[in-house]
Protein backbone atom coordinates (compact mmCIF):
# COMPACT_ATOMS: atom_id res chain seq x y z
CA MET A 1 -31.35 95.07 -149.83
CA LEU A 2 -34.59 97.06 -150.17
CA SER A 3 -37.73 95.86 -148.35
CA ILE A 4 -41.04 97.38 -149.44
CA ARG A 5 -43.48 94.79 -148.06
CA GLY A 6 -44.30 95.18 -144.42
CA PRO A 7 -42.01 97.67 -142.65
CA PHE A 8 -39.77 99.58 -145.07
CA GLY A 9 -36.08 98.72 -144.86
CA LEU A 10 -32.81 99.39 -146.65
CA ARG A 11 -29.74 97.44 -145.60
CA GLY A 12 -26.15 97.73 -146.76
CA PRO A 13 -23.83 94.78 -147.53
CA GLY A 14 -22.86 94.47 -143.86
CA GLY A 15 -26.43 94.76 -142.62
CA ALA A 16 -26.18 98.46 -141.71
CA ASP A 17 -29.48 100.33 -141.67
CA LEU A 18 -29.32 102.82 -144.56
CA ALA A 19 -33.00 103.74 -144.74
CA PRO A 20 -33.58 107.50 -144.99
CA ALA A 21 -35.56 108.93 -142.11
CA GLY A 22 -38.09 110.84 -144.20
CA GLN A 23 -41.37 109.27 -145.26
CA LYS A 24 -41.28 110.81 -148.72
CA GLU A 25 -37.66 109.74 -149.27
CA ARG A 26 -38.70 106.16 -148.53
CA ALA A 27 -41.70 106.53 -150.82
CA ILE A 28 -39.42 107.66 -153.68
CA LEU A 29 -37.25 104.56 -153.34
CA ALA A 30 -40.33 102.31 -153.32
CA VAL A 31 -41.86 103.98 -156.39
CA LEU A 32 -38.59 103.65 -158.30
CA ALA A 33 -38.26 99.99 -157.32
CA LEU A 34 -41.70 99.23 -158.76
CA SER A 35 -41.32 101.33 -161.92
CA PRO A 36 -40.32 100.03 -165.37
CA ASP A 37 -36.52 100.15 -165.68
CA ARG A 38 -36.64 101.51 -162.10
CA ARG A 39 -37.02 105.01 -163.54
CA ARG A 40 -39.55 107.81 -163.09
CA SER A 41 -39.64 111.34 -164.43
CA ARG A 42 -39.02 114.16 -162.01
CA ARG A 43 -42.39 115.63 -162.87
CA ALA A 44 -44.17 112.37 -162.04
CA LEU A 45 -42.46 112.12 -158.64
CA GLN A 46 -43.25 115.74 -157.89
CA HIS A 47 -46.92 115.24 -158.72
CA LEU A 48 -47.07 112.00 -156.76
CA LEU A 49 -45.68 113.35 -153.47
CA TRP A 50 -46.14 117.14 -153.62
CA SER A 51 -49.35 117.55 -155.61
CA ASP A 52 -50.51 120.43 -153.38
CA ARG A 53 -47.52 122.65 -154.21
CA SER A 54 -46.51 124.77 -157.16
CA ASP A 55 -44.19 123.21 -159.75
CA GLU A 56 -41.28 125.28 -158.46
CA GLN A 57 -41.88 124.33 -154.81
CA ALA A 58 -42.33 120.66 -155.70
CA ALA A 59 -39.07 120.69 -157.66
CA VAL A 60 -37.22 122.12 -154.67
CA SER A 61 -38.76 119.51 -152.37
CA LEU A 62 -37.75 116.67 -154.70
CA ARG A 63 -34.16 117.94 -154.87
CA ARG A 64 -34.06 118.05 -151.09
CA ALA A 65 -35.45 114.51 -150.81
CA LEU A 66 -32.90 113.12 -153.28
CA SER A 67 -30.12 114.80 -151.34
CA ASN A 68 -31.42 113.24 -148.11
CA ILE A 69 -31.47 109.78 -149.73
CA ARG A 70 -27.87 110.11 -150.83
CA ARG A 71 -26.79 111.36 -147.42
CA ALA A 72 -28.52 108.47 -145.63
CA GLY A 73 -27.15 105.86 -148.01
CA GLY A 74 -23.64 105.78 -146.55
CA ASP A 75 -21.63 103.37 -148.69
CA LEU A 76 -24.62 103.22 -151.03
CA SER A 77 -24.77 106.97 -151.54
CA ASP A 78 -24.83 106.39 -155.32
CA LEU A 79 -27.87 104.10 -155.19
CA ILE A 80 -29.84 106.58 -157.31
CA GLU A 81 -28.86 108.54 -160.36
CA ALA A 82 -30.69 111.62 -161.56
CA ASP A 83 -30.56 113.95 -164.52
CA ARG A 84 -32.62 117.01 -165.37
CA SER A 85 -35.66 114.96 -166.42
CA SER A 86 -35.69 111.67 -164.51
CA VAL A 87 -34.56 109.69 -161.46
CA ARG A 88 -33.44 106.04 -161.49
CA LEU A 89 -32.77 103.42 -158.81
CA LEU A 90 -29.67 101.45 -159.74
CA PRO A 91 -30.02 97.69 -160.31
CA GLU A 92 -27.37 96.99 -157.66
CA VAL A 93 -30.07 97.64 -155.06
CA GLU A 94 -31.73 94.26 -154.68
CA LEU A 95 -35.39 93.96 -153.81
CA ALA A 96 -36.07 91.67 -150.86
CA GLU A 97 -38.62 88.91 -151.21
CA ASP A 98 -41.31 88.60 -148.59
CA PRO A 99 -42.67 85.06 -148.40
CA ALA A 100 -44.92 86.07 -145.52
CA GLY A 101 -46.81 88.39 -147.85
CA GLY A 102 -46.66 91.59 -145.86
CA ALA A 103 -48.68 94.59 -147.06
CA LEU A 104 -46.95 96.88 -149.52
CA LEU A 105 -45.38 99.88 -147.77
CA ASP A 106 -47.24 99.13 -144.58
CA ASP A 107 -45.58 101.86 -142.50
CA ILE A 108 -45.18 104.81 -144.89
CA ALA A 109 -47.57 107.59 -143.90
CA VAL A 110 -47.69 110.15 -146.71
CA ARG A 111 -50.96 112.11 -146.80
CA ASP A 112 -50.79 113.41 -150.38
CA PRO A 113 -53.97 112.27 -152.23
CA ALA A 114 -51.96 111.44 -155.36
CA TRP A 115 -49.75 109.12 -153.31
CA LEU A 116 -52.75 107.46 -151.66
CA ALA A 117 -54.29 106.75 -155.06
CA TRP A 118 -50.98 105.32 -156.35
CA LEU A 119 -50.55 103.13 -153.27
CA ARG A 120 -54.08 101.75 -153.60
CA GLU A 121 -53.50 100.83 -157.23
CA ALA A 122 -50.05 99.40 -156.50
CA ARG A 123 -51.41 97.14 -153.78
CA LEU A 124 -54.19 95.87 -156.03
CA GLY A 125 -51.75 95.39 -158.89
CA LEU A 126 -49.35 93.29 -156.82
CA ASP A 127 -51.83 91.32 -154.78
CA GLY A 128 -54.92 91.24 -156.94
CA PRO A 129 -58.44 91.77 -155.60
CA PRO A 130 -59.16 90.10 -152.27
CA ALA A 131 -60.81 86.68 -152.41
CA PRO A 132 -64.35 86.41 -151.01
CA GLY A 133 -64.10 86.04 -147.28
CA GLY A 134 -60.37 86.75 -147.43
CA PRO A 135 -58.46 89.71 -146.02
CA VAL A 136 -59.91 93.10 -146.85
CA VAL A 137 -57.66 95.65 -148.55
CA VAL A 138 -58.01 98.74 -146.37
CA ASP A 139 -58.02 102.08 -148.13
CA PRO A 140 -54.83 103.84 -146.94
CA ALA A 141 -56.73 107.12 -146.89
CA GLU A 142 -58.84 105.72 -144.07
CA ILE A 143 -55.75 104.62 -142.14
CA LEU A 144 -53.94 107.91 -142.51
CA ALA A 145 -57.05 109.92 -141.72
CA GLU A 146 -56.84 108.59 -138.17
CA ARG A 147 -54.49 111.29 -136.97
CA PRO A 148 -52.90 110.98 -133.54
CA ALA A 149 -54.88 112.78 -130.90
CA ALA A 150 -54.04 116.46 -130.57
CA LEU A 151 -52.81 117.70 -127.22
CA HIS A 152 -55.87 118.96 -125.36
CA VAL A 153 -55.36 121.61 -122.68
CA VAL A 154 -58.15 122.88 -120.44
CA ILE A 155 -57.51 126.28 -118.86
CA ARG A 156 -59.88 126.82 -115.95
CA SER A 157 -60.33 130.08 -114.05
CA LEU A 158 -61.49 129.50 -110.45
CA VAL A 159 -62.17 133.18 -109.66
CA PRO A 160 -65.73 134.04 -108.52
CA GLN A 161 -67.64 136.33 -110.87
CA ASP A 162 -68.27 138.99 -108.21
CA LEU A 163 -64.50 139.68 -107.81
CA HIS A 164 -64.24 141.99 -110.79
CA GLU A 165 -60.58 142.99 -110.80
CA PRO A 166 -59.18 139.52 -110.00
CA ARG A 167 -61.55 137.99 -112.56
CA PHE A 168 -60.51 140.44 -115.28
CA LEU A 169 -56.83 139.77 -114.62
CA ALA A 170 -57.37 136.02 -114.50
CA ARG A 171 -59.12 136.18 -117.87
CA PHE A 172 -56.26 138.22 -119.29
CA PHE A 173 -53.75 135.69 -117.99
CA CYS A 174 -55.72 132.71 -119.35
CA ASP A 175 -56.07 134.38 -122.75
CA MET A 176 -52.32 134.99 -122.91
CA MET A 177 -51.66 131.36 -122.01
CA ALA A 178 -54.12 130.06 -124.62
CA THR A 179 -52.76 132.37 -127.32
CA ARG A 180 -49.18 131.34 -126.64
CA LEU A 181 -50.03 127.63 -126.69
CA ARG A 182 -51.94 127.92 -129.95
CA SER A 183 -49.15 129.94 -131.58
CA MET A 184 -46.75 127.04 -131.00
CA GLY A 185 -48.60 124.57 -133.23
CA ASP A 186 -51.77 122.55 -133.69
CA ILE A 187 -53.22 122.17 -130.20
CA GLU A 188 -56.72 122.12 -128.73
CA VAL A 189 -57.20 124.71 -125.98
CA GLU A 190 -60.44 125.02 -124.00
CA PHE A 191 -61.26 127.77 -121.51
CA GLU A 192 -63.89 127.69 -118.80
CA GLU A 193 -64.83 129.60 -115.65
CA THR A 194 -66.01 127.81 -112.54
CA THR A 195 -65.74 128.21 -108.79
CA ALA A 196 -65.47 124.49 -108.07
CA PRO A 197 -62.61 122.22 -109.18
CA ARG A 198 -63.76 119.41 -111.48
CA ASP A 199 -62.13 116.48 -113.20
CA ALA A 200 -59.84 117.31 -116.09
CA ALA A 201 -61.40 116.87 -119.51
CA GLY A 202 -58.13 116.92 -121.44
CA HIS A 203 -54.54 115.82 -121.36
CA VAL A 204 -53.50 118.83 -119.25
CA LEU A 205 -55.54 120.91 -116.82
CA MET A 206 -54.41 124.42 -115.86
CA GLU A 207 -56.23 125.88 -112.86
CA VAL A 208 -55.85 129.64 -112.37
CA GLU A 209 -56.59 131.59 -109.19
CA SER A 210 -56.23 135.35 -108.97
CA ALA A 211 -56.34 137.83 -106.09
CA VAL A 212 -55.66 141.50 -105.42
CA ALA A 213 -54.22 142.33 -102.01
CA GLY A 214 -53.46 145.96 -101.29
CA GLU A 215 -51.19 147.24 -104.02
CA GLU A 216 -50.27 143.83 -105.41
CA TRP A 217 -51.75 141.27 -107.80
CA TYR A 218 -51.25 137.54 -107.30
CA VAL A 219 -51.93 134.77 -109.78
CA HIS A 220 -51.50 131.12 -108.87
CA LEU A 221 -51.24 128.46 -111.57
CA ARG A 222 -51.57 124.73 -110.92
CA MET A 223 -51.10 122.13 -113.68
CA CYS A 224 -52.33 118.53 -113.56
CA ALA A 225 -52.32 115.73 -116.11
CA GLY A 226 -55.16 113.42 -117.08
CA PRO A 227 -58.33 112.40 -115.26
CA GLN A 228 -56.26 111.26 -112.25
CA ARG A 229 -55.03 114.86 -111.88
CA ARG A 230 -51.40 113.83 -111.69
CA PHE A 231 -49.54 116.88 -110.37
CA LEU A 232 -47.23 118.57 -112.89
CA TRP A 233 -46.28 122.02 -111.65
CA ALA A 234 -47.49 124.96 -109.57
CA ARG A 235 -46.17 128.49 -109.15
CA ARG A 236 -47.41 131.96 -108.32
CA LEU A 237 -46.62 135.33 -109.84
CA ARG A 238 -46.76 138.53 -107.82
CA LEU A 239 -46.70 141.97 -109.45
CA PRO A 240 -47.55 145.52 -108.38
CA MET A 241 -51.22 146.29 -109.01
CA ASP A 242 -50.36 148.29 -112.13
CA LEU A 243 -52.48 147.31 -115.13
CA ARG A 244 -49.97 148.62 -117.64
CA ARG A 245 -47.14 146.62 -116.13
CA ILE A 246 -49.29 143.48 -115.78
CA CYS A 247 -50.68 143.64 -119.31
CA GLU A 248 -47.80 145.20 -121.23
CA GLY A 249 -44.71 144.40 -119.18
CA PRO A 250 -42.63 141.30 -119.90
CA GLU A 251 -43.04 139.62 -116.49
CA THR A 252 -46.43 138.02 -117.20
CA SER A 253 -45.19 136.76 -120.57
CA ALA A 254 -42.10 135.28 -118.90
CA PHE A 255 -44.30 133.45 -116.39
CA VAL A 256 -46.37 131.98 -119.23
CA SER A 257 -43.19 130.84 -120.99
CA ARG A 258 -41.95 129.22 -117.79
CA ALA A 259 -45.24 127.38 -117.29
CA ILE A 260 -45.31 125.98 -120.83
CA SER A 261 -41.68 124.83 -120.55
CA ALA A 262 -42.48 123.12 -117.25
CA MET A 263 -45.49 121.40 -118.80
CA LEU A 264 -43.31 119.98 -121.58
CA ALA A 265 -40.57 118.89 -119.19
CA ARG A 266 -43.01 117.05 -116.93
CA MET A 267 -45.20 115.51 -119.61
CA GLY A 268 -45.48 111.78 -118.96
CA PRO A 269 -44.04 109.24 -121.41
CA GLU A 270 -47.55 108.40 -122.58
CA ARG A 271 -47.93 111.95 -123.97
CA ARG A 272 -44.52 112.50 -125.52
CA ASP A 273 -45.53 111.01 -128.86
CA LEU A 274 -48.29 113.58 -129.37
CA PRO A 275 -47.52 115.69 -132.47
CA TRP A 276 -47.50 119.02 -130.58
CA VAL A 277 -45.12 117.66 -127.94
CA SER A 278 -42.84 116.17 -130.61
CA LEU A 279 -42.80 119.54 -132.37
CA GLN A 280 -41.71 121.40 -129.23
CA ARG A 281 -38.98 118.88 -128.47
CA ALA A 282 -37.71 119.10 -132.04
CA SER A 283 -37.62 122.91 -131.94
CA GLN A 284 -35.52 122.84 -128.77
CA LYS A 285 -32.82 120.82 -130.54
CA VAL A 286 -32.35 123.61 -133.09
CA PHE A 287 -30.48 125.75 -130.55
CA LEU A 288 -27.98 123.23 -129.20
CA GLY A 289 -25.22 124.24 -131.62
CA ASP A 290 -24.70 120.65 -132.79
CA ARG A 291 -25.10 119.66 -136.45
CA ASP A 292 -26.29 116.12 -135.64
CA GLN A 293 -28.92 117.48 -133.25
CA LEU A 294 -30.00 119.98 -135.90
CA ASP A 295 -30.47 117.19 -138.45
CA THR A 296 -32.35 115.13 -135.87
CA ALA A 297 -34.64 118.09 -135.27
CA ASP A 298 -35.35 118.35 -138.99
CA HIS A 299 -36.21 114.63 -139.21
CA LEU A 300 -38.56 114.97 -136.23
CA LEU A 301 -40.19 118.00 -137.81
CA GLU A 302 -40.61 116.16 -141.08
CA ARG A 303 -42.43 113.34 -139.28
CA VAL A 304 -45.01 115.68 -137.75
CA GLU A 305 -45.33 117.98 -140.78
CA PRO A 306 -48.29 116.06 -142.29
CA LEU A 307 -50.14 116.39 -138.98
CA ASP A 308 -49.76 120.17 -138.65
CA GLY A 309 -52.20 122.50 -140.31
CA THR A 310 -50.94 125.77 -138.87
CA GLY A 311 -47.64 126.35 -140.70
CA VAL A 312 -45.56 126.20 -137.51
CA VAL A 313 -43.68 123.06 -138.61
CA GLN A 314 -42.85 124.64 -141.98
CA ALA A 315 -41.61 127.79 -140.22
CA TRP A 316 -39.31 125.72 -138.00
CA ARG A 317 -37.97 123.74 -140.98
CA GLY A 318 -37.11 127.03 -142.67
CA TYR A 319 -35.37 128.19 -139.50
CA VAL A 320 -33.38 124.92 -139.39
CA ARG A 321 -31.95 125.81 -142.77
CA LEU A 322 -31.19 129.34 -141.63
CA THR A 323 -29.21 127.80 -138.76
CA ARG A 324 -27.38 125.45 -141.13
CA ALA A 325 -26.29 128.44 -143.17
CA LEU A 326 -25.29 130.86 -140.41
CA GLU A 327 -23.89 128.39 -137.89
CA PHE A 328 -22.37 125.74 -140.14
CA GLY A 329 -21.66 127.66 -143.34
CA ASP A 330 -24.09 125.70 -145.54
CA PHE A 331 -25.04 128.36 -148.08
CA SER A 332 -25.76 125.86 -150.86
CA ASP A 333 -28.44 126.71 -153.41
CA LEU A 334 -30.53 123.84 -152.08
CA THR A 335 -30.41 125.07 -148.47
CA LEU A 336 -31.31 128.62 -149.47
CA ALA A 337 -34.14 127.48 -151.74
CA GLU A 338 -35.56 125.18 -149.06
CA ALA A 339 -35.43 127.89 -146.41
CA GLU A 340 -37.32 130.27 -148.65
CA ASP A 341 -39.83 127.59 -149.65
CA PHE A 342 -40.63 126.59 -146.07
CA ALA A 343 -40.89 130.19 -144.85
CA THR A 344 -43.18 131.16 -147.72
CA ARG A 345 -45.52 128.20 -147.18
CA ALA A 346 -45.59 128.82 -143.43
CA VAL A 347 -46.69 132.43 -143.89
CA ARG A 348 -49.34 131.40 -146.42
CA MET A 349 -50.79 128.88 -143.98
CA GLY A 350 -50.37 131.45 -141.21
CA ALA A 351 -52.69 129.93 -138.59
CA GLY A 352 -50.05 129.70 -135.88
CA GLY A 353 -49.78 133.30 -134.71
CA PRO A 354 -46.67 135.41 -134.10
CA LEU A 355 -44.17 132.53 -134.02
CA ILE A 356 -44.56 131.89 -137.75
CA GLY A 357 -44.02 135.51 -138.72
CA SER A 358 -41.04 135.82 -136.38
CA LEU A 359 -39.21 132.81 -137.78
CA ALA A 360 -40.07 133.64 -141.39
CA ALA A 361 -38.94 137.25 -140.88
CA GLN A 362 -35.46 136.11 -139.93
CA VAL A 363 -35.21 133.84 -142.97
CA ARG A 364 -36.23 136.74 -145.21
CA MET A 365 -33.80 139.21 -143.67
CA LYS A 366 -30.77 137.00 -143.07
CA LEU A 367 -30.85 134.67 -146.07
CA ALA A 368 -32.97 136.32 -148.73
CA GLY A 369 -31.68 139.82 -147.92
CA ASP A 370 -35.23 141.21 -148.12
CA ILE A 371 -35.12 143.64 -145.21
CA ASP A 372 -38.40 145.38 -146.01
CA HIS A 373 -40.48 142.23 -146.18
CA GLY A 374 -38.72 140.69 -143.19
CA ALA A 375 -39.30 143.81 -141.10
CA TRP A 376 -42.96 143.82 -142.16
CA LEU A 377 -43.34 140.19 -141.03
CA ALA A 378 -41.68 141.05 -137.72
CA ARG A 379 -44.05 143.98 -137.22
CA GLN A 380 -47.06 141.79 -138.00
CA ALA A 381 -45.91 139.24 -135.43
CA HIS A 382 -45.36 142.00 -132.86
CA ASP A 383 -48.82 143.46 -133.53
CA GLU A 384 -50.36 140.04 -132.84
CA ASP A 385 -48.64 139.76 -129.44
CA ASP A 386 -46.33 142.56 -128.37
CA ARG A 387 -44.95 140.54 -125.46
CA ASP A 388 -44.26 137.32 -127.33
CA PRO A 389 -40.51 136.57 -126.96
CA TRP A 390 -40.19 135.46 -130.59
CA ALA A 391 -41.90 138.59 -131.88
CA LEU A 392 -39.63 140.78 -129.75
CA HIS A 393 -36.58 138.90 -131.03
CA ALA A 394 -37.68 139.41 -134.64
CA MET A 395 -38.29 143.11 -134.00
CA SER A 396 -34.81 143.43 -132.54
CA GLN A 397 -33.35 141.79 -135.64
CA ALA A 398 -35.37 144.06 -137.91
CA ARG A 399 -34.14 147.19 -136.12
CA VAL A 400 -30.54 145.95 -136.45
CA PHE A 401 -30.93 145.66 -140.23
CA GLN A 402 -32.67 149.03 -140.40
CA GLY A 403 -29.77 150.69 -138.54
CA ASP A 404 -31.67 151.68 -135.39
CA ARG A 405 -29.30 150.13 -132.84
CA GLU A 406 -30.84 151.64 -129.72
CA ALA A 407 -34.30 150.36 -130.63
CA ALA A 408 -32.78 146.97 -131.45
CA HIS A 409 -31.22 146.79 -127.99
CA ALA A 410 -34.46 147.88 -126.30
CA TYR A 411 -36.43 145.12 -128.05
CA ALA A 412 -33.69 142.62 -127.21
CA LEU A 413 -33.91 143.45 -123.50
CA LEU A 414 -37.70 143.09 -123.50
CA GLY A 415 -37.37 139.79 -125.32
CA GLN A 416 -34.76 138.57 -122.85
CA THR A 417 -37.16 139.05 -119.94
CA ALA A 418 -40.14 137.56 -121.80
CA ALA A 419 -38.07 134.50 -122.76
CA SER A 420 -36.59 133.92 -119.32
CA GLY A 421 -38.77 130.87 -118.76
CA LEU A 422 -37.94 129.17 -122.06
CA PRO A 423 -35.57 126.18 -122.20
CA ASN A 424 -33.45 127.99 -124.81
CA ALA A 425 -33.47 131.41 -123.14
CA TRP A 426 -29.74 131.79 -123.78
CA CYS A 427 -30.54 132.74 -127.39
CA TRP A 428 -32.18 135.96 -126.18
CA ASP A 429 -29.21 136.68 -123.91
CA MET A 430 -27.00 136.30 -126.96
CA GLN A 431 -29.15 138.75 -128.91
CA CYS A 432 -28.71 141.22 -126.04
CA CYS A 433 -24.95 140.70 -126.31
CA LEU A 434 -24.99 141.56 -130.02
CA THR A 435 -27.23 144.61 -129.67
CA ALA A 436 -25.23 145.85 -126.68
CA LEU A 437 -22.13 145.66 -128.88
CA GLY A 438 -23.97 147.65 -131.54
CA THR A 439 -24.62 150.45 -129.06
CA GLY A 440 -21.05 150.47 -127.72
CA ARG A 441 -21.90 148.82 -124.40
CA ILE A 442 -18.92 146.45 -124.34
CA GLU A 443 -19.21 145.47 -120.67
CA ASP A 444 -22.93 144.81 -121.05
CA ALA A 445 -22.17 142.65 -124.08
CA TRP A 446 -19.64 140.69 -122.01
CA ARG A 447 -22.20 140.19 -119.22
CA HIS A 448 -24.93 138.97 -121.59
CA ALA A 449 -22.55 136.55 -123.33
CA ARG A 450 -21.49 135.19 -119.94
CA THR A 451 -25.14 134.68 -118.98
CA ALA A 452 -25.79 132.76 -122.21
CA HIS A 453 -22.68 130.63 -121.61
CA VAL A 454 -23.67 129.77 -118.04
CA GLN A 455 -27.07 128.52 -119.23
CA MET A 456 -25.63 126.49 -122.13
CA PRO A 457 -21.86 125.91 -121.78
CA THR A 458 -21.62 124.33 -125.25
CA TYR A 459 -23.42 127.18 -127.05
CA ARG A 460 -20.88 128.19 -129.67
CA PRO A 461 -22.02 131.77 -130.45
CA ALA A 462 -21.58 132.72 -126.77
CA LEU A 463 -18.13 131.14 -126.58
CA ARG A 464 -17.01 132.83 -129.80
CA TYR A 465 -18.00 136.26 -128.57
CA LEU A 466 -16.55 135.61 -125.12
CA VAL A 467 -13.18 134.88 -126.74
CA ALA A 468 -13.44 138.02 -128.89
CA LEU A 469 -14.64 140.26 -126.05
CA ALA A 470 -11.99 138.91 -123.71
CA ALA A 471 -9.37 139.92 -126.27
CA LEU A 472 -10.92 143.37 -126.81
CA THR A 473 -11.12 144.10 -123.07
CA GLY A 474 -7.73 142.66 -122.09
CA ARG A 475 -9.04 139.65 -120.15
CA ARG A 476 -6.12 137.38 -120.98
CA GLU A 477 -6.97 134.51 -118.63
CA ASP A 478 -10.59 134.48 -119.76
CA LEU A 479 -9.47 134.48 -123.39
CA LEU A 480 -7.36 131.35 -122.89
CA ARG A 481 -10.07 129.60 -120.86
CA PHE A 482 -12.92 130.25 -123.27
CA ALA A 483 -10.72 129.48 -126.29
CA ALA A 484 -9.91 126.09 -124.74
CA ASP A 485 -13.63 125.46 -124.12
CA LEU A 486 -14.42 126.29 -127.73
CA ALA A 487 -11.59 124.11 -129.04
CA ARG A 488 -13.20 121.10 -127.37
CA ILE A 489 -16.33 121.72 -129.46
CA GLU A 490 -14.61 123.01 -132.60
CA PRO A 491 -11.44 120.89 -132.93
CA GLY A 492 -8.49 122.96 -134.04
CA PHE A 493 -9.96 126.28 -132.94
CA ALA A 494 -7.48 129.03 -132.10
CA PRO A 495 -8.27 132.70 -131.38
CA SER A 496 -6.71 133.64 -134.73
CA ARG A 497 -9.69 131.96 -136.44
CA LEU A 498 -11.81 134.93 -135.35
CA LEU A 499 -10.04 136.90 -138.07
CA ASP A 500 -11.14 134.56 -140.88
CA ASP A 501 -13.65 136.26 -143.17
CA GLY A 502 -16.03 133.32 -143.09
CA TYR A 503 -16.01 132.77 -139.33
CA PRO A 504 -19.49 133.44 -137.80
CA ILE A 505 -18.87 136.66 -135.85
CA GLU A 506 -20.56 138.92 -138.37
CA THR A 507 -21.54 141.60 -135.81
CA LEU A 508 -17.89 142.31 -134.95
CA ARG A 509 -17.06 142.74 -138.62
CA LEU A 510 -20.06 144.97 -139.30
CA LEU A 511 -19.12 147.19 -136.35
CA GLY A 512 -15.57 147.62 -137.62
CA LEU A 513 -14.00 145.87 -134.62
CA LYS A 514 -12.05 143.29 -136.60
CA ASP A 515 -8.90 145.42 -136.93
CA ASP A 516 -8.91 146.24 -133.22
CA LEU A 517 -9.40 142.54 -132.48
CA ALA A 518 -6.46 141.62 -134.71
CA GLN A 519 -4.18 144.04 -132.88
CA ARG A 520 -5.24 142.71 -129.47
CA LEU A 521 -4.72 139.09 -130.52
CA VAL A 522 -1.22 139.85 -131.83
CA ALA A 523 -0.36 141.69 -128.61
């Protein structure tokens, strides 16, 4: 039963909720239900919902949406049929009546101007013009133009102007914080200098104090929320008074990462529905090594995509597909085309800083096989912020593909330190494991994989390499223990699976360690 008046709904015979999560998937079902013979051409659907994209990109997006509808449909997975020219909703899908007269598609928020025009005409066509003095038909463009408030962060330096060195370093620190926040998505960041604390003017207030004592520099950061100045987090960083280390070393970047992660973790429930916060929480789910969590992340990203003008959401959606391919073996044409489409659009929008280039670079190198372009994107990201953990990770990947293993390991180590405050820091430890292997540092690789595993015990890449490294280094008890841990996550896993050509331990194969591993496993 399909409901298109009031809240959208799709129920199976037993009452199960079969509605697809995506707004555009729901819009497709509604358009088909209201079309003659319940059929529309592919080109019409593409123009209606993706009018701002090229024909090729719109076609890819429509294919993805149809696939999502089928996947959500459960027992009704065949509720639509499609050929090369058109899409049809089958007559078995009944349209629910709404005697209460709810508004057509009241809760579908698609911002495409072609869709808004269609919805306006559809509402007038079904309901007729409003009677004098009766309810007013509100233009959906006006409703959807009221975007949720952006997260507003005020960064305030409390250092007096006559303290030149502390003031310079405080400004540097505040600039790094603002740059990092802005690179993570659409967010309002305001900076001001004052010697007297004042009420917060935004959702989050960051107060920065800086001092130089002898041969050391101190910075103290305090974070509060809202006009009531609800305490969120406070920490200090102490470093030797060495400008090169402060400005170019990874420690300051790591402190910034730790502060942003703490801000997200302590954000009150009233702020967790802000688009920027939703984006960060979705991106964290990408690294949990769970397919359901990965799909949930993609649905969350899709919800905030219309509200993001920086390209960061598109970059993350491309990276989700990269993860589907590498971690779960989904190398379908649709997944590859979507990954490329999202990465390309993200770079074109390009207002989000080094994060976009870093994520897009990995899609280009690992899925498209375009090492030159991927390495160029990584370099661009690194030039924007040479201590950004994502940029350092992308540079490490680029050096791996270019065959410079020592440089790859050096970038990985810098990235590991810069990312130490992130909630998914284990990914950088895992990169250090892989680059250490590439340089022949087997014991270092073991140590980095162990560090990643301790932080996230269910992280599959770390467990896989711990099993392999335990076999290569003769750690029999560790091999059995980590293999048992992995089997609880991957039912049926046995160490012999490491020898399968399609199993995701590509670095071991590229380094020629597979034969040695086979001998150790047999022994």
